[in-house]
Structures are given as C-alpha cells and as structure tokens.
Amino acid sequence: MMVIRALPVSPFPAEGEHPAGYIRRLAAANGLDSLRQMLALYELPPLSPISGPEAWTKLAAAAGLPLARFDVLRWPRVGRTREVWLSVVGQAIRQLHLDLDHLKRCPQCLAEDGIVRAEWSLRPLPMAHLA
C-alpha cells in the first residue's frame, strides 16, 4: 500500500452537507478531475452519511483534518425501534424515506454556495404518509 500525504487544500465540511458532496468539493479544491479519481487515489470507500468508522478515518486522513470535523456529515441512528431512524439535519427520519445510493444536486443551490445538502436525500412521500 502506497502512503499518500494529505491533500494540500482541505475546506471544512459544512453543517448539513452530504458526505459525497463534501468529497466532490474536496476533489475540486485540489484540482482532481473526478470524485472517482479522489476515491481511488486515497483508497476511500464511497461515503454515505451512515458509513462506518473506517471510512471516516480514511477521509480525515486524506483531508488532513481531525476526525471530529466530520461529525457534521454523519447521520446518527436515533431511537430504539426495529425500524432504523436517522437524525438528518436535526430531524428524525426513517431510513426507508432516504435515498442513500444516489446523490441529488440542485444546480441553483450549488451555484450559490457549492454545497450538496443532506436533506436532498429525502425520497418524495405520498401525502398519505404525512397524515
């Protein structure tokens, strides 16, 4: 395994940012061509808000930032029910209502601040689920 130094430019993760969006920002800030290139270069697994500790440790090493900086990107499990509920931007959401496999982006929002928001992972819900 080749040891690679931390990236020279490491923006801080933003509150409510999706981890994959942060990795895209990190790659772009360092002149990397793609997210795929970033993941391969630093042997990072594809990160999601519920990734395990090893993935977060690798990301922290690649960014050269303390592991605690990435707490804002994690979605902790909440409650003790059989269903999995996650805390997304301070709200308890059932995991089945989240799309963790596809990164959704809003071009207008990205143009404003460059941040891919965690809440964009919410799946559309029929009105019957809201009552």
N, C-alpha and C. Protein backbone atom coordinates (compact mmCIF):
# COMPACT_ATOMS: atom_id res chain seq x y z
N MET A 1 0.84 -1.18 0.00
CA MET A 1 0.00 0.00 0.00
C MET A 1 0.88 1.24 0.00
N MET A 2 0.63 2.14 -0.92
CA MET A 2 1.39 3.37 -1.03
C MET A 2 0.83 4.42 -0.07
N VAL A 3 1.72 5.10 0.67
CA VAL A 3 1.29 6.14 1.59
C VAL A 3 1.23 7.46 0.84
N ILE A 4 0.09 8.11 0.89
CA ILE A 4 -0.11 9.37 0.20
C ILE A 4 -0.36 10.45 1.24
N ARG A 5 0.27 11.58 1.07
CA ARG A 5 0.10 12.68 2.01
C ARG A 5 -1.29 13.30 1.88
N ALA A 6 -1.66 13.99 2.94
CA ALA A 6 -2.97 14.66 2.94
C ALA A 6 -3.03 15.69 1.83
N LEU A 7 -4.21 15.94 1.35
CA LEU A 7 -4.42 16.94 0.30
C LEU A 7 -3.98 18.32 0.77
N PRO A 8 -3.43 19.14 -0.13
CA PRO A 8 -2.96 20.46 0.29
C PRO A 8 -4.08 21.45 0.62
N VAL A 9 -5.24 21.30 0.00
CA VAL A 9 -6.36 22.21 0.25
C VAL A 9 -7.51 21.39 0.83
N SER A 10 -7.93 21.75 2.04
CA SER A 10 -9.00 21.00 2.70
C SER A 10 -10.04 21.93 3.30
N PRO A 11 -11.08 22.23 2.53
CA PRO A 11 -12.16 23.04 3.10
C PRO A 11 -12.84 22.27 4.22
N PHE A 12 -13.39 22.98 5.19
CA PHE A 12 -14.11 22.33 6.27
C PHE A 12 -15.46 21.85 5.76
N PRO A 13 -15.94 20.71 6.26
CA PRO A 13 -17.29 20.27 5.91
C PRO A 13 -18.32 21.26 6.49
N ALA A 14 -19.40 21.45 5.77
CA ALA A 14 -20.44 22.38 6.20
C ALA A 14 -21.55 21.63 6.93
N GLU A 15 -22.15 22.29 7.89
CA GLU A 15 -23.31 21.74 8.60
C GLU A 15 -24.39 21.39 7.57
N GLY A 16 -24.89 20.18 7.63
CA GLY A 16 -25.97 19.77 6.72
C GLY A 16 -25.51 19.36 5.34
N GLU A 17 -24.21 19.23 5.13
CA GLU A 17 -23.68 18.84 3.82
C GLU A 17 -23.68 17.31 3.70
N HIS A 18 -23.94 16.82 2.50
CA HIS A 18 -23.90 15.39 2.24
C HIS A 18 -22.43 14.98 2.09
N PRO A 19 -22.00 13.84 2.66
CA PRO A 19 -20.60 13.44 2.58
C PRO A 19 -20.06 13.34 1.16
N ALA A 20 -20.84 12.78 0.25
CA ALA A 20 -20.37 12.68 -1.13
C ALA A 20 -20.20 14.06 -1.76
N GLY A 21 -21.04 14.99 -1.38
CA GLY A 21 -20.90 16.37 -1.86
C GLY A 21 -19.62 17.00 -1.33
N TYR A 22 -19.30 16.71 -0.06
CA TYR A 22 -18.06 17.24 0.51
C TYR A 22 -16.85 16.66 -0.24
N ILE A 23 -16.88 15.37 -0.52
CA ILE A 23 -15.76 14.75 -1.23
C ILE A 23 -15.61 15.37 -2.61
N ARG A 24 -16.71 15.67 -3.27
CA ARG A 24 -16.64 16.35 -4.58
C ARG A 24 -15.99 17.73 -4.43
N ARG A 25 -16.37 18.46 -3.39
CA ARG A 25 -15.77 19.78 -3.14
C ARG A 25 -14.28 19.65 -2.85
N LEU A 26 -13.92 18.66 -2.06
CA LEU A 26 -12.53 18.41 -1.70
C LEU A 26 -11.71 18.08 -2.95
N ALA A 27 -12.25 17.23 -3.81
CA ALA A 27 -11.56 16.87 -5.05
C ALA A 27 -11.38 18.09 -5.95
N ALA A 28 -12.44 18.87 -6.11
CA ALA A 28 -12.36 20.06 -6.97
C ALA A 28 -11.38 21.08 -6.42
N ALA A 29 -11.34 21.27 -5.11
CA ALA A 29 -10.43 22.24 -4.49
C ALA A 29 -8.97 21.87 -4.71
N ASN A 30 -8.73 20.59 -4.97
CA ASN A 30 -7.37 20.12 -5.16
C ASN A 30 -7.05 19.78 -6.62
N GLY A 31 -7.92 20.22 -7.52
CA GLY A 31 -7.67 20.05 -8.95
C GLY A 31 -7.80 18.64 -9.46
N LEU A 32 -8.47 17.78 -8.71
CA LEU A 32 -8.68 16.42 -9.19
C LEU A 32 -9.83 16.41 -10.19
N ASP A 33 -9.73 15.54 -11.17
CA ASP A 33 -10.70 15.53 -12.26
C ASP A 33 -12.08 15.01 -11.89
N SER A 34 -12.13 14.08 -10.93
CA SER A 34 -13.42 13.48 -10.63
C SER A 34 -13.45 12.93 -9.22
N LEU A 35 -14.67 12.66 -8.77
CA LEU A 35 -14.88 12.01 -7.48
C LEU A 35 -14.24 10.63 -7.51
N ARG A 36 -14.38 9.93 -8.62
CA ARG A 36 -13.81 8.59 -8.75
C ARG A 36 -12.29 8.61 -8.57
N GLN A 37 -11.64 9.63 -9.16
CA GLN A 37 -10.19 9.78 -9.02
C GLN A 37 -9.81 9.99 -7.56
N MET A 38 -10.57 10.80 -6.86
CA MET A 38 -10.33 11.07 -5.44
C MET A 38 -10.46 9.79 -4.62
N LEU A 39 -11.53 9.03 -4.85
CA LEU A 39 -11.76 7.80 -4.11
C LEU A 39 -10.64 6.80 -4.35
N ALA A 40 -10.21 6.67 -5.60
CA ALA A 40 -9.15 5.72 -5.94
C ALA A 40 -7.81 6.14 -5.37
N LEU A 41 -7.47 7.40 -5.50
CA LEU A 41 -6.18 7.90 -5.05
C LEU A 41 -5.98 7.71 -3.56
N TYR A 42 -7.03 7.92 -2.78
CA TYR A 42 -6.93 7.81 -1.33
C TYR A 42 -7.56 6.54 -0.78
N GLU A 43 -7.90 5.61 -1.66
CA GLU A 43 -8.50 4.33 -1.27
C GLU A 43 -9.69 4.53 -0.34
N LEU A 44 -10.52 5.50 -0.70
CA LEU A 44 -11.73 5.80 0.08
C LEU A 44 -12.89 4.97 -0.44
N PRO A 45 -13.68 4.40 0.46
CA PRO A 45 -14.91 3.77 0.01
C PRO A 45 -15.90 4.87 -0.33
N PRO A 46 -16.90 4.59 -1.16
CA PRO A 46 -17.95 5.59 -1.36
C PRO A 46 -18.59 5.89 0.00
N LEU A 47 -18.58 7.14 0.40
CA LEU A 47 -19.12 7.50 1.71
C LEU A 47 -20.59 7.86 1.63
N SER A 48 -21.31 7.45 2.64
CA SER A 48 -22.68 7.89 2.83
C SER A 48 -22.77 8.41 4.26
N PRO A 49 -23.83 9.07 4.59
CA PRO A 49 -23.97 9.61 5.95
C PRO A 49 -23.98 8.54 7.05
N ILE A 50 -24.12 7.26 6.68
CA ILE A 50 -24.14 6.20 7.68
C ILE A 50 -22.94 5.26 7.53
N SER A 51 -21.89 5.72 6.87
CA SER A 51 -20.69 4.90 6.70
C SER A 51 -20.08 4.56 8.05
N GLY A 52 -19.31 3.49 8.07
CA GLY A 52 -18.65 3.03 9.29
C GLY A 52 -17.43 3.87 9.64
N PRO A 53 -16.88 3.64 10.83
CA PRO A 53 -15.75 4.43 11.34
C PRO A 53 -14.51 4.40 10.45
N GLU A 54 -14.23 3.27 9.81
CA GLU A 54 -13.02 3.17 8.97
C GLU A 54 -13.09 4.16 7.80
N ALA A 55 -14.25 4.31 7.20
CA ALA A 55 -14.41 5.23 6.08
C ALA A 55 -14.16 6.67 6.52
N TRP A 56 -14.68 7.04 7.70
CA TRP A 56 -14.49 8.41 8.20
C TRP A 56 -13.03 8.66 8.56
N THR A 57 -12.36 7.65 9.09
CA THR A 57 -10.94 7.78 9.45
C THR A 57 -10.11 8.00 8.19
N LYS A 58 -10.41 7.26 7.12
CA LYS A 58 -9.69 7.44 5.86
C LYS A 58 -9.93 8.83 5.27
N LEU A 59 -11.17 9.31 5.35
CA LEU A 59 -11.48 10.64 4.84
C LEU A 59 -10.73 11.70 5.63
N ALA A 60 -10.70 11.58 6.93
CA ALA A 60 -9.99 12.54 7.77
C ALA A 60 -8.51 12.57 7.42
N ALA A 61 -7.92 11.41 7.19
CA ALA A 61 -6.50 11.33 6.83
C ALA A 61 -6.26 11.98 5.47
N ALA A 62 -7.14 11.73 4.50
CA ALA A 62 -6.98 12.32 3.16
C ALA A 62 -7.10 13.83 3.22
N ALA A 63 -8.03 14.33 4.03
CA ALA A 63 -8.25 15.76 4.13
C ALA A 63 -7.23 16.44 5.05
N GLY A 64 -6.59 15.65 5.90
CA GLY A 64 -5.67 16.23 6.87
C GLY A 64 -6.38 17.04 7.94
N LEU A 65 -7.59 16.61 8.26
CA LEU A 65 -8.40 17.29 9.27
C LEU A 65 -8.70 16.33 10.41
N PRO A 66 -8.97 16.86 11.62
CA PRO A 66 -9.34 15.97 12.72
C PRO A 66 -10.65 15.23 12.43
N LEU A 67 -10.71 14.00 12.88
CA LEU A 67 -11.89 13.16 12.66
C LEU A 67 -13.17 13.85 13.14
N ALA A 68 -13.10 14.57 14.24
CA ALA A 68 -14.28 15.24 14.81
C ALA A 68 -14.88 16.26 13.85
N ARG A 69 -14.11 16.81 12.93
CA ARG A 69 -14.62 17.78 11.95
C ARG A 69 -15.73 17.20 11.08
N PHE A 70 -15.73 15.87 10.95
CA PHE A 70 -16.68 15.23 10.05
C PHE A 70 -17.97 14.80 10.74
N ASP A 71 -18.09 15.11 12.03
CA ASP A 71 -19.33 14.80 12.75
C ASP A 71 -20.54 15.46 12.10
N VAL A 72 -20.35 16.64 11.50
CA VAL A 72 -21.47 17.35 10.86
C VAL A 72 -22.00 16.62 9.63
N LEU A 73 -21.22 15.66 9.11
CA LEU A 73 -21.64 14.92 7.91
C LEU A 73 -22.32 13.59 8.25
N ARG A 74 -22.23 13.16 9.48
CA ARG A 74 -22.77 11.86 9.87
C ARG A 74 -24.23 11.97 10.28
N TRP A 75 -24.97 10.92 10.00
CA TRP A 75 -26.37 10.85 10.40
C TRP A 75 -26.50 9.75 11.44
N PRO A 76 -26.49 10.10 12.71
CA PRO A 76 -26.56 9.06 13.73
C PRO A 76 -27.94 8.41 13.80
N ARG A 77 -27.94 7.16 14.21
CA ARG A 77 -29.19 6.44 14.43
C ARG A 77 -29.85 7.00 15.68
N VAL A 78 -31.16 7.17 15.64
CA VAL A 78 -31.90 7.68 16.80
C VAL A 78 -33.01 6.70 17.15
N GLY A 79 -33.36 6.64 18.42
CA GLY A 79 -34.44 5.76 18.87
C GLY A 79 -33.99 4.32 18.99
N ARG A 80 -34.85 3.52 19.54
CA ARG A 80 -34.53 2.11 19.77
C ARG A 80 -35.62 1.21 19.21
N THR A 81 -36.19 1.56 18.07
CA THR A 81 -37.24 0.74 17.47
C THR A 81 -36.62 -0.24 16.49
N ARG A 82 -37.43 -1.16 15.99
CA ARG A 82 -36.94 -2.12 14.98
C ARG A 82 -36.65 -1.41 13.67
N GLU A 83 -37.38 -0.36 13.37
CA GLU A 83 -37.10 0.43 12.17
C GLU A 83 -35.90 1.32 12.42
N VAL A 84 -35.14 1.59 11.38
CA VAL A 84 -33.97 2.45 11.53
C VAL A 84 -34.39 3.90 11.27
N TRP A 85 -34.17 4.74 12.27
CA TRP A 85 -34.41 6.17 12.17
C TRP A 85 -33.06 6.86 12.27
N LEU A 86 -32.87 7.87 11.43
CA LEU A 86 -31.61 8.62 11.42
C LEU A 86 -31.88 10.09 11.69
N SER A 87 -30.93 10.73 12.31
CA SER A 87 -31.03 12.17 12.54
C SER A 87 -30.44 12.88 11.34
N VAL A 88 -31.31 13.50 10.54
CA VAL A 88 -30.89 14.22 9.34
C VAL A 88 -31.17 15.70 9.57
N VAL A 89 -30.13 16.47 9.66
CA VAL A 89 -30.22 17.90 9.92
C VAL A 89 -31.12 18.16 11.14
N GLY A 90 -30.92 17.36 12.17
CA GLY A 90 -31.64 17.55 13.42
C GLY A 90 -33.04 16.97 13.46
N GLN A 91 -33.48 16.29 12.42
CA GLN A 91 -34.82 15.71 12.38
C GLN A 91 -34.72 14.18 12.30
N ALA A 92 -35.56 13.49 13.03
CA ALA A 92 -35.59 12.03 12.98
C ALA A 92 -36.37 11.61 11.73
N ILE A 93 -35.70 10.86 10.84
CA ILE A 93 -36.28 10.42 9.58
C ILE A 93 -36.07 8.91 9.46
N ARG A 94 -37.12 8.19 9.02
CA ARG A 94 -36.98 6.76 8.78
C ARG A 94 -35.99 6.56 7.62
N GLN A 95 -35.10 5.58 7.78
CA GLN A 95 -34.11 5.33 6.73
C GLN A 95 -34.77 4.98 5.41
N LEU A 96 -35.92 4.30 5.46
CA LEU A 96 -36.59 3.92 4.22
C LEU A 96 -37.08 5.13 3.43
N HIS A 97 -37.13 6.31 4.05
CA HIS A 97 -37.53 7.53 3.34
C HIS A 97 -36.33 8.31 2.80
N LEU A 98 -35.14 7.70 2.88
CA LEU A 98 -33.93 8.35 2.40
C LEU A 98 -33.33 7.56 1.24
N ASP A 99 -32.84 8.26 0.26
CA ASP A 99 -32.14 7.63 -0.86
C ASP A 99 -30.65 7.83 -0.60
N LEU A 100 -29.98 6.80 -0.08
CA LEU A 100 -28.57 6.90 0.25
C LEU A 100 -27.67 6.48 -0.92
N ASP A 101 -28.28 5.97 -2.00
CA ASP A 101 -27.49 5.47 -3.12
C ASP A 101 -27.28 6.47 -4.24
N HIS A 102 -28.06 7.52 -4.27
CA HIS A 102 -27.97 8.49 -5.36
C HIS A 102 -27.81 9.90 -4.80
N LEU A 103 -26.80 10.58 -5.25
CA LEU A 103 -26.56 11.95 -4.81
C LEU A 103 -27.41 12.90 -5.64
N LYS A 104 -28.29 13.63 -4.98
CA LYS A 104 -29.14 14.59 -5.67
C LYS A 104 -28.52 15.98 -5.54
N ARG A 105 -28.59 16.73 -6.62
CA ARG A 105 -28.00 18.06 -6.63
C ARG A 105 -28.98 19.09 -7.17
N CYS A 106 -28.92 20.28 -6.63
CA CYS A 106 -29.73 21.40 -7.11
C CYS A 106 -28.77 22.38 -7.76
N PRO A 107 -28.81 22.54 -9.08
CA PRO A 107 -27.87 23.43 -9.75
C PRO A 107 -27.88 24.87 -9.22
N GLN A 108 -29.06 25.39 -8.91
CA GLN A 108 -29.15 26.76 -8.40
C GLN A 108 -28.47 26.88 -7.03
N CYS A 109 -28.74 25.92 -6.14
CA CYS A 109 -28.12 25.95 -4.81
C CYS A 109 -26.61 25.76 -4.91
N LEU A 110 -26.17 24.87 -5.78
CA LEU A 110 -24.74 24.65 -5.95
C LEU A 110 -24.05 25.90 -6.47
N ALA A 111 -24.74 26.64 -7.34
CA ALA A 111 -24.17 27.89 -7.85
C ALA A 111 -24.04 28.92 -6.74
N GLU A 112 -24.95 28.88 -5.76
CA GLU A 112 -24.92 29.85 -4.66
C GLU A 112 -23.78 29.59 -3.68
N ASP A 113 -23.66 28.32 -3.21
CA ASP A 113 -22.63 28.07 -2.19
C ASP A 113 -21.81 26.81 -2.40
N GLY A 114 -22.11 26.02 -3.44
CA GLY A 114 -21.32 24.84 -3.75
C GLY A 114 -21.54 23.65 -2.83
N ILE A 115 -22.58 23.70 -2.00
CA ILE A 115 -22.83 22.66 -1.01
C ILE A 115 -23.97 21.74 -1.47
N VAL A 116 -23.73 20.43 -1.46
CA VAL A 116 -24.77 19.44 -1.70
C VAL A 116 -25.40 19.15 -0.34
N ARG A 117 -26.66 19.45 -0.19
CA ARG A 117 -27.36 19.36 1.10
C ARG A 117 -27.80 17.93 1.43
N ALA A 118 -27.66 17.55 2.68
CA ALA A 118 -28.07 16.23 3.15
C ALA A 118 -29.56 16.00 2.96
N GLU A 119 -30.36 17.02 3.19
CA GLU A 119 -31.81 16.84 3.12
C GLU A 119 -32.30 16.54 1.70
N TRP A 120 -31.48 16.75 0.71
CA TRP A 120 -31.87 16.41 -0.65
C TRP A 120 -31.95 14.90 -0.84
N SER A 121 -31.53 14.13 0.15
CA SER A 121 -31.61 12.67 0.09
C SER A 121 -32.99 12.15 0.45
N LEU A 122 -33.89 13.03 0.88
CA LEU A 122 -35.26 12.60 1.20
C LEU A 122 -35.97 12.13 -0.07
N ARG A 123 -36.63 10.99 0.05
CA ARG A 123 -37.44 10.49 -1.06
C ARG A 123 -38.78 11.24 -1.05
N PRO A 124 -39.39 11.42 -2.21
CA PRO A 124 -40.74 12.02 -2.20
C PRO A 124 -41.70 11.11 -1.46
N LEU A 125 -42.55 11.70 -0.65
CA LEU A 125 -43.52 10.93 0.12
C LEU A 125 -44.94 11.24 -0.33
N PRO A 126 -45.77 10.21 -0.50
CA PRO A 126 -47.18 10.46 -0.80
C PRO A 126 -47.83 11.16 0.40
N MET A 127 -48.82 11.96 0.15
CA MET A 127 -49.49 12.72 1.22
C MET A 127 -50.04 11.80 2.31
N ALA A 128 -50.40 10.57 1.99
CA ALA A 128 -50.95 9.64 2.99
C ALA A 128 -49.94 9.37 4.10
N HIS A 129 -48.65 9.43 3.81
CA HIS A 129 -47.62 9.18 4.82
C HIS A 129 -47.45 10.35 5.77
N LEU A 130 -47.94 11.50 5.38
CA LEU A 130 -47.75 12.70 6.19
C LEU A 130 -48.86 12.89 7.22
N ALA A 131 -49.97 12.21 7.05
CA ALA A 131 -51.10 12.38 7.97
C ALA A 131 -50.91 11.62 9.25
